[in-house]
Amino acid sequence: LFTALIVGRNIFEFFVDTGRVKKISMMHLISSQNINFLGKGFLACMCSLALIVAGATSFYLRGEKNFGVDFRGGDLITLSSPQAIDVGKVRAALQPINLADATIQESNQGGKYYITVRTPLHTSDAVEKQIMTAMTEAQFKVEGAERVGALVGGELARSSLVALGLGILGILIFVTLRFELSFAVGAIVALLHDVLITVGVFSLLHRELTLTMVGAVLTIAGYSINDTIVVYDRIREGLASGRKGSIEQIMNESINQTLSRTILTSTVTLIPILCLFLFGGAVLRDFSLAIIIGVAVGTYSSIFIASPIVLWWTRARGGGKTSLQREITSKQTKPATAS
């Protein structure tokens, strides 16, 4: 925020004041400014609903396997090997101690191969001994181990839900105060849409939810609401200025006007996150994957979900362009008069 408001402005002023820049122009990725986004709102919502249902079904069928050791408790041990690891052989090695159904994740980085084994509490020592004995040719090395009790895991899960709930409540209050209730409803629906799809895709990919994922989800929520507010600001300007046309036309024009900015911002955000996903190692891979999914879905929802919800909510309450203009105008800060 400091860089954007202070550093960026000073850099622009330097180039303009010294005469090095005569004209400032911005890139426009989309040449057409007449895309009917609101007309595609229903289809977009149906596609999103289908993806949410698929994710929810996978989440239900996988049950506790959706959660990492942070939440459900248990032991976690990470082993490395200089050669490719056959997970089937690892499961066969764990069969004698009745842990063949343990959760095993593979990864590789820098020519080394890793497996992460999640098992019930107080079993990591037996797992390590069994794998080392049965697969001596793999030359395994223990990279790390941790243990989380079920009570601690449950408390972490509750704390995570509280943090997410408070974040959503804060966003609802902020958007209601800044805009109007229908905008707040649209923003919250878009935010929940982004969170549900991200978690659902993780379940479909058989990835586990951990404390790191909670941080990723809160980051996604912040990014999503920021993207949505940029569009909302332009819609508010259009309505408050008394621009001619129906409410749908004004909303479509506003979305089209911010489209290039939305896509460019998301692309610039995705580039470093993609590098983090590719080169950040196994520890950061799930976090960066969640952010990638969230940024992509958040960009989509700010265009196809948030604004249509505002329109539908306004109509459901029997309002229209005039009523929305009146409510938005009442939210505008009036300048103080000199006494």
Protein backbone atom coordinates (compact mmCIF):
# COMPACT_ATOMS: atom_id res chain seq x y z
CA LEU A 1 0.00 0.00 0.00
CA PHE A 2 2.83 2.39 0.90
CA THR A 3 4.65 1.54 -2.34
CA ALA A 4 1.52 2.09 -4.44
CA LEU A 5 0.55 5.40 -2.84
CA ILE A 6 3.93 7.01 -2.12
CA VAL A 7 6.77 5.36 -4.05
CA GLY A 8 4.81 4.84 -7.26
CA ARG A 9 3.52 8.42 -7.26
CA ASN A 10 6.99 9.88 -6.65
CA ILE A 11 8.46 7.84 -9.50
CA PHE A 12 5.75 9.09 -11.88
CA GLU A 13 6.27 12.69 -10.72
CA PHE A 14 10.03 12.40 -11.24
CA PHE A 15 9.69 11.26 -14.86
CA VAL A 16 7.01 13.86 -15.63
CA ASP A 17 8.78 16.79 -13.91
CA THR A 18 12.10 16.02 -15.61
CA GLY A 19 10.40 15.84 -19.00
CA ARG A 20 11.50 12.26 -19.62
CA VAL A 21 7.91 11.15 -20.08
CA LYS A 22 5.58 13.16 -22.29
CA LYS A 23 2.67 10.77 -22.41
CA ILE A 24 1.48 7.99 -20.12
CA SER A 25 -0.56 5.25 -21.76
CA MET A 26 -1.95 2.00 -20.44
CA MET A 27 -2.20 -1.38 -22.12
CA HIS A 28 -5.70 -2.44 -23.19
CA LEU A 29 -5.91 -6.19 -23.62
CA ILE A 30 -9.57 -6.24 -24.66
CA SER A 31 -10.43 -4.16 -27.70
CA SER A 32 -14.20 -4.72 -27.44
CA GLN A 33 -15.97 -2.74 -24.73
CA ASN A 34 -19.45 -4.16 -25.32
CA ILE A 35 -19.30 -7.65 -23.82
CA ASN A 36 -22.61 -8.57 -22.17
CA PHE A 37 -21.28 -10.09 -18.94
CA LEU A 38 -24.56 -9.83 -17.05
CA GLY A 39 -26.31 -11.73 -19.82
CA LYS A 40 -23.92 -14.63 -19.17
CA GLY A 41 -24.39 -14.45 -15.39
CA PHE A 42 -26.90 -17.30 -15.13
CA LEU A 43 -24.77 -19.66 -17.24
CA ALA A 44 -21.68 -18.74 -15.21
CA CYS A 45 -23.53 -19.42 -11.95
CA MET A 46 -24.67 -22.83 -13.20
CA CYS A 47 -21.10 -23.76 -14.16
CA SER A 48 -19.86 -22.62 -10.77
CA LEU A 49 -22.62 -24.55 -9.01
CA ALA A 50 -21.66 -27.72 -10.90
CA LEU A 51 -18.03 -27.34 -9.84
CA ILE A 52 -19.01 -26.64 -6.22
CA VAL A 53 -21.27 -29.72 -6.15
CA ALA A 54 -18.47 -31.87 -7.62
CA GLY A 55 -16.04 -30.58 -5.00
CA ALA A 56 -18.55 -31.05 -2.17
CA THR A 57 -19.25 -34.62 -3.30
CA SER A 58 -15.55 -35.43 -3.34
CA PHE A 59 -15.12 -33.78 0.07
CA TYR A 60 -17.96 -35.88 1.52
CA LEU A 61 -16.70 -39.15 0.03
CA ARG A 62 -13.11 -38.62 1.19
CA GLY A 63 -14.13 -37.72 4.74
CA GLU A 64 -11.21 -37.37 7.14
CA LYS A 65 -8.73 -37.86 4.31
CA ASN A 66 -9.41 -34.24 3.33
CA PHE A 67 -7.65 -33.04 6.47
CA GLY A 68 -3.96 -33.05 7.21
CA VAL A 69 -2.30 -33.96 10.45
CA ASP A 70 -2.75 -30.35 11.68
CA PHE A 71 -6.49 -30.89 12.02
CA ARG A 72 -7.16 -34.58 12.60
CA GLY A 73 -4.07 -35.33 14.68
CA GLY A 74 -1.52 -38.04 14.03
CA ASP A 75 2.10 -38.58 13.02
CA LEU A 76 3.77 -37.24 9.92
CA ILE A 77 7.15 -38.41 8.65
CA THR A 78 8.99 -37.25 5.52
CA LEU A 79 11.61 -39.48 3.86
CA SER A 80 13.89 -38.70 0.93
CA SER A 81 15.63 -40.96 -1.56
CA PRO A 82 18.10 -40.36 -4.42
CA GLN A 83 15.96 -42.57 -6.69
CA ALA A 84 12.32 -42.71 -7.75
CA ILE A 85 10.07 -44.18 -5.06
CA ASP A 86 7.46 -46.84 -5.75
CA VAL A 87 4.49 -46.00 -3.50
CA GLY A 88 3.12 -49.51 -4.03
CA LYS A 89 6.26 -50.97 -2.46
CA VAL A 90 5.96 -48.53 0.45
CA ARG A 91 2.40 -49.69 1.12
CA ALA A 92 3.50 -53.31 0.88
CA ALA A 93 6.24 -52.57 3.42
CA LEU A 94 3.66 -51.12 5.82
CA GLN A 95 1.28 -54.07 5.45
CA PRO A 96 2.81 -56.14 8.32
CA ILE A 97 2.04 -53.33 10.80
CA ASN A 98 -1.48 -52.79 9.37
CA LEU A 99 -0.75 -49.32 7.97
CA ALA A 100 -0.96 -50.05 4.25
CA ASP A 101 -3.86 -47.57 3.98
CA ALA A 102 -1.77 -44.67 5.32
CA THR A 103 -1.87 -41.40 3.40
CA ILE A 104 1.28 -41.16 1.25
CA GLN A 105 2.21 -38.15 -0.86
CA GLU A 106 5.02 -38.07 -3.43
CA SER A 107 7.12 -35.13 -4.59
CA ASN A 108 10.52 -34.45 -6.09
CA GLN A 109 12.90 -31.51 -6.15
CA GLY A 110 16.47 -31.01 -7.25
CA GLY A 111 16.99 -34.65 -8.20
CA LYS A 112 15.74 -35.94 -4.84
CA TYR A 113 12.50 -37.84 -4.32
CA TYR A 114 10.31 -37.47 -1.25
CA ILE A 115 7.42 -39.29 0.37
CA THR A 116 5.34 -37.94 3.22
CA VAL A 117 3.55 -40.59 5.28
CA ARG A 118 0.65 -39.67 7.57
CA THR A 119 -0.36 -42.27 10.14
CA PRO A 120 -2.20 -42.48 13.50
CA LEU A 121 -0.57 -41.12 16.65
CA HIS A 122 2.58 -42.78 18.02
CA THR A 123 3.26 -44.87 14.90
CA SER A 124 6.00 -42.84 13.17
CA ASP A 125 8.84 -44.81 14.78
CA ALA A 126 7.36 -48.11 13.63
CA VAL A 127 6.74 -46.69 10.14
CA GLU A 128 10.31 -45.44 9.83
CA LYS A 129 11.78 -48.75 11.00
CA GLN A 130 9.52 -50.83 8.74
CA ILE A 131 10.23 -48.81 5.58
CA MET A 132 13.97 -48.60 6.23
CA THR A 133 14.17 -52.37 6.78
CA ALA A 134 11.97 -53.45 3.88
CA MET A 135 13.36 -51.00 1.29
CA THR A 136 17.09 -50.76 1.97
CA GLU A 137 17.83 -50.27 -1.74
CA ALA A 138 15.96 -46.93 -1.69
CA GLN A 139 18.56 -45.45 0.70
CA PHE A 140 15.93 -43.49 2.60
CA LYS A 141 16.85 -40.56 4.80
CA VAL A 142 14.51 -39.03 7.38
CA GLU A 143 13.93 -35.35 6.52
CA GLY A 144 11.48 -34.54 9.30
CA ALA A 145 8.78 -35.80 11.64
CA GLU A 146 5.99 -34.19 13.63
CA ARG A 147 3.18 -35.24 15.94
CA VAL A 148 -0.14 -33.49 16.59
CA GLY A 149 -2.64 -34.72 19.18
CA ALA A 150 -6.31 -35.07 18.25
CA LEU A 151 -7.31 -32.46 20.86
CA VAL A 152 -4.86 -29.92 19.45
CA GLY A 153 -6.01 -30.71 15.91
CA GLY A 154 -9.65 -30.11 16.85
CA GLU A 155 -8.79 -26.81 18.51
CA LEU A 156 -6.86 -25.69 15.43
CA ALA A 157 -9.84 -26.56 13.24
CA ARG A 158 -12.19 -24.49 15.42
CA SER A 159 -9.78 -21.56 15.52
CA SER A 160 -9.44 -21.66 11.74
CA LEU A 161 -13.21 -21.57 11.25
CA VAL A 162 -13.52 -18.65 13.68
CA ALA A 163 -10.78 -16.74 11.82
CA LEU A 164 -12.50 -17.33 8.49
CA GLY A 165 -15.91 -16.39 9.90
CA LEU A 166 -14.63 -13.15 11.44
CA GLY A 167 -12.90 -12.26 8.18
CA ILE A 168 -16.12 -12.72 6.19
CA LEU A 169 -18.13 -10.74 8.78
CA GLY A 170 -15.63 -7.87 8.62
CA ILE A 171 -15.87 -7.80 4.83
CA LEU A 172 -19.69 -7.80 4.99
CA ILE A 173 -19.70 -4.80 7.36
CA PHE A 174 -17.10 -2.89 5.33
CA VAL A 175 -18.83 -3.33 1.96
CA THR A 176 -22.25 -2.51 3.46
CA LEU A 177 -20.91 0.74 4.92
CA ARG A 178 -18.99 1.71 1.80
CA PHE A 179 -21.56 0.72 -0.81
CA GLU A 180 -24.98 -0.77 -0.06
CA LEU A 181 -26.38 -4.07 1.21
CA SER A 182 -26.92 -5.58 -2.26
CA PHE A 183 -23.23 -4.99 -3.04
CA ALA A 184 -22.25 -6.63 0.26
CA VAL A 185 -24.39 -9.69 -0.58
CA GLY A 186 -22.74 -9.95 -4.01
CA ALA A 187 -19.26 -9.63 -2.50
CA ILE A 188 -19.90 -12.30 0.16
CA VAL A 189 -21.43 -14.72 -2.36
CA ALA A 190 -18.42 -14.23 -4.65
CA LEU A 191 -16.03 -14.71 -1.73
CA LEU A 192 -17.74 -17.92 -0.56
CA HIS A 193 -17.80 -19.08 -4.19
CA ASP A 194 -14.01 -18.66 -4.40
CA VAL A 195 -13.36 -20.43 -1.09
CA LEU A 196 -15.69 -23.35 -1.84
CA ILE A 197 -14.25 -23.93 -5.31
CA THR A 198 -10.66 -23.75 -4.04
CA VAL A 199 -11.35 -26.26 -1.25
CA GLY A 200 -13.37 -28.44 -3.63
CA VAL A 201 -10.62 -28.53 -6.26
CA PHE A 202 -8.13 -29.48 -3.53
CA SER A 203 -10.38 -32.38 -2.57
CA LEU A 204 -10.75 -33.45 -6.21
CA LEU A 205 -6.95 -33.40 -6.52
CA HIS A 206 -6.65 -35.46 -3.30
CA ARG A 207 -4.73 -32.69 -1.56
CA GLU A 208 -4.97 -32.24 2.20
CA LEU A 209 -6.20 -29.18 4.07
CA THR A 210 -3.63 -27.89 6.55
CA LEU A 211 -2.99 -24.73 8.56
CA THR A 212 -1.06 -23.42 5.57
CA MET A 213 -4.24 -23.82 3.53
CA VAL A 214 -6.14 -21.68 6.04
CA GLY A 215 -3.61 -18.90 5.43
CA ALA A 216 -4.04 -19.38 1.69
CA VAL A 217 -7.85 -19.20 1.98
CA LEU A 218 -7.68 -15.95 3.97
CA THR A 219 -5.28 -14.55 1.36
CA ILE A 220 -7.70 -15.57 -1.39
CA ALA A 221 -10.55 -13.86 0.47
CA GLY A 222 -8.58 -10.62 0.63
CA TYR A 223 -7.61 -10.76 -3.04
CA SER A 224 -11.14 -11.65 -4.12
CA ILE A 225 -12.77 -8.76 -2.26
CA ASN A 226 -10.16 -6.32 -3.58
CA ASP A 227 -10.88 -7.38 -7.16
CA THR A 228 -14.62 -7.14 -6.58
CA ILE A 229 -14.44 -3.67 -5.00
CA VAL A 230 -12.59 -2.30 -8.04
CA VAL A 231 -15.55 -3.33 -10.21
CA TYR A 232 -18.05 -2.09 -7.62
CA ASP A 233 -16.36 1.32 -7.47
CA ARG A 234 -16.77 1.77 -11.20
CA ILE A 235 -20.42 0.67 -11.03
CA ARG A 236 -21.04 3.13 -8.20
CA GLU A 237 -19.44 5.95 -10.19
CA GLY A 238 -21.62 5.13 -13.18
CA LEU A 239 -24.82 5.06 -11.15
CA ALA A 240 -23.99 8.15 -9.07
CA SER A 241 -23.13 10.21 -12.17
CA GLY A 242 -26.65 9.79 -13.54
CA ARG A 243 -25.39 8.10 -16.69
CA LYS A 244 -28.16 7.28 -19.17
CA GLY A 245 -29.15 3.69 -19.79
CA SER A 246 -30.58 0.80 -17.83
CA ILE A 247 -28.93 -0.62 -14.72
CA GLU A 248 -27.75 -3.61 -16.79
CA GLN A 249 -26.10 -1.33 -19.36
CA ILE A 250 -24.31 0.71 -16.71
CA MET A 251 -23.08 -2.43 -14.93
CA ASN A 252 -21.88 -4.01 -18.19
CA GLU A 253 -20.06 -0.80 -19.16
CA SER A 254 -18.39 -0.66 -15.74
CA ILE A 255 -17.22 -4.28 -15.94
CA ASN A 256 -15.89 -3.72 -19.47
CA GLN A 257 -14.02 -0.60 -18.37
CA THR A 258 -12.22 -2.48 -15.59
CA LEU A 259 -11.68 -5.70 -17.57
CA SER A 260 -8.15 -4.98 -18.81
CA ARG A 261 -7.08 -3.84 -15.35
CA THR A 262 -8.56 -6.97 -13.76
CA ILE A 263 -6.83 -9.35 -16.17
CA LEU A 264 -3.47 -7.54 -16.02
CA THR A 265 -3.47 -7.44 -12.22
CA SER A 266 -4.32 -11.14 -11.98
CA THR A 267 -1.65 -12.06 -14.54
CA VAL A 268 1.05 -10.09 -12.72
CA THR A 269 -0.02 -11.71 -9.44
CA LEU A 270 0.04 -15.21 -10.93
CA ILE A 271 3.57 -14.96 -12.35
CA PRO A 272 5.48 -15.01 -9.00
CA ILE A 273 3.00 -17.48 -7.49
CA LEU A 274 3.55 -19.82 -10.44
CA CYS A 275 7.32 -19.56 -9.91
CA LEU A 276 6.75 -20.39 -6.24
CA PHE A 277 4.70 -23.43 -7.26
CA LEU A 278 7.33 -24.68 -9.71
CA PHE A 279 10.50 -23.93 -7.75
CA GLY A 280 9.43 -23.40 -4.13
CA GLY A 281 9.65 -27.04 -3.13
CA ALA A 282 7.16 -29.46 -1.61
CA VAL A 283 6.56 -27.35 1.51
CA LEU A 284 5.16 -24.38 -0.44
CA ARG A 285 3.54 -26.31 -3.29
CA ASP A 286 0.08 -26.72 -1.77
CA PHE A 287 0.01 -23.10 -0.57
CA SER A 288 1.00 -21.73 -3.98
CA LEU A 289 -1.44 -24.06 -5.75
CA ALA A 290 -4.27 -22.78 -3.56
CA ILE A 291 -3.34 -19.17 -4.35
CA ILE A 292 -3.20 -19.93 -8.09
CA ILE A 293 -6.67 -21.48 -8.00
CA GLY A 294 -8.00 -18.67 -5.80
CA VAL A 295 -6.65 -15.84 -7.98
CA ALA A 296 -8.04 -17.44 -11.15
CA VAL A 297 -11.44 -18.13 -9.60
CA GLY A 298 -11.49 -14.72 -7.87
CA THR A 299 -10.94 -12.94 -11.18
CA TYR A 300 -13.76 -14.95 -12.72
CA SER A 301 -16.16 -14.32 -9.82
CA SER A 302 -15.55 -10.55 -9.71
CA ILE A 303 -16.77 -10.40 -13.32
CA PHE A 304 -19.41 -13.12 -13.63
CA ILE A 305 -20.72 -13.66 -10.07
CA ALA A 306 -20.51 -10.52 -7.90
CA SER A 307 -22.23 -8.03 -10.23
CA PRO A 308 -25.09 -10.31 -11.37
CA ILE A 309 -25.85 -11.03 -7.69
CA VAL A 310 -26.18 -7.26 -7.06
CA LEU A 311 -28.61 -6.97 -9.97
CA TRP A 312 -30.70 -9.99 -8.95
CA TRP A 313 -30.79 -8.96 -5.28
CA THR A 314 -31.92 -5.42 -6.19
CA ARG A 315 -34.70 -6.76 -8.39
CA ALA A 316 -35.76 -9.32 -5.78
CA ARG A 317 -36.37 -6.44 -3.37
CA GLY A 318 -38.49 -4.67 -5.97
CA GLY A 319 -35.87 -2.02 -6.68
CA GLY A 320 -34.24 -0.79 -9.85
CA LYS A 321 -31.82 1.77 -11.17
CA THR A 322 -33.46 4.71 -9.38
CA SER A 323 -33.59 3.03 -5.97
CA LEU A 324 -30.00 1.81 -6.28
CA GLN A 325 -28.84 5.29 -7.31
CA ARG A 326 -30.63 6.81 -4.32
CA GLU A 327 -29.05 4.34 -1.89
CA ILE A 328 -25.57 4.80 -3.37
CA THR A 329 -25.88 8.59 -3.33
CA SER A 330 -26.84 8.50 0.34
CA LYS A 331 -23.57 6.66 1.03
CA GLN A 332 -21.47 9.36 -0.63
CA THR A 333 -19.48 11.50 1.79
CA LYS A 334 -20.74 15.08 1.67
CA PRO A 335 -18.12 17.86 1.83
CA ALA A 336 -18.13 19.95 4.97
CA THR A 337 -19.31 23.57 4.63
CA ALA A 338 -17.38 26.48 6.10
CA SER A 339 -19.03 28.16 9.08
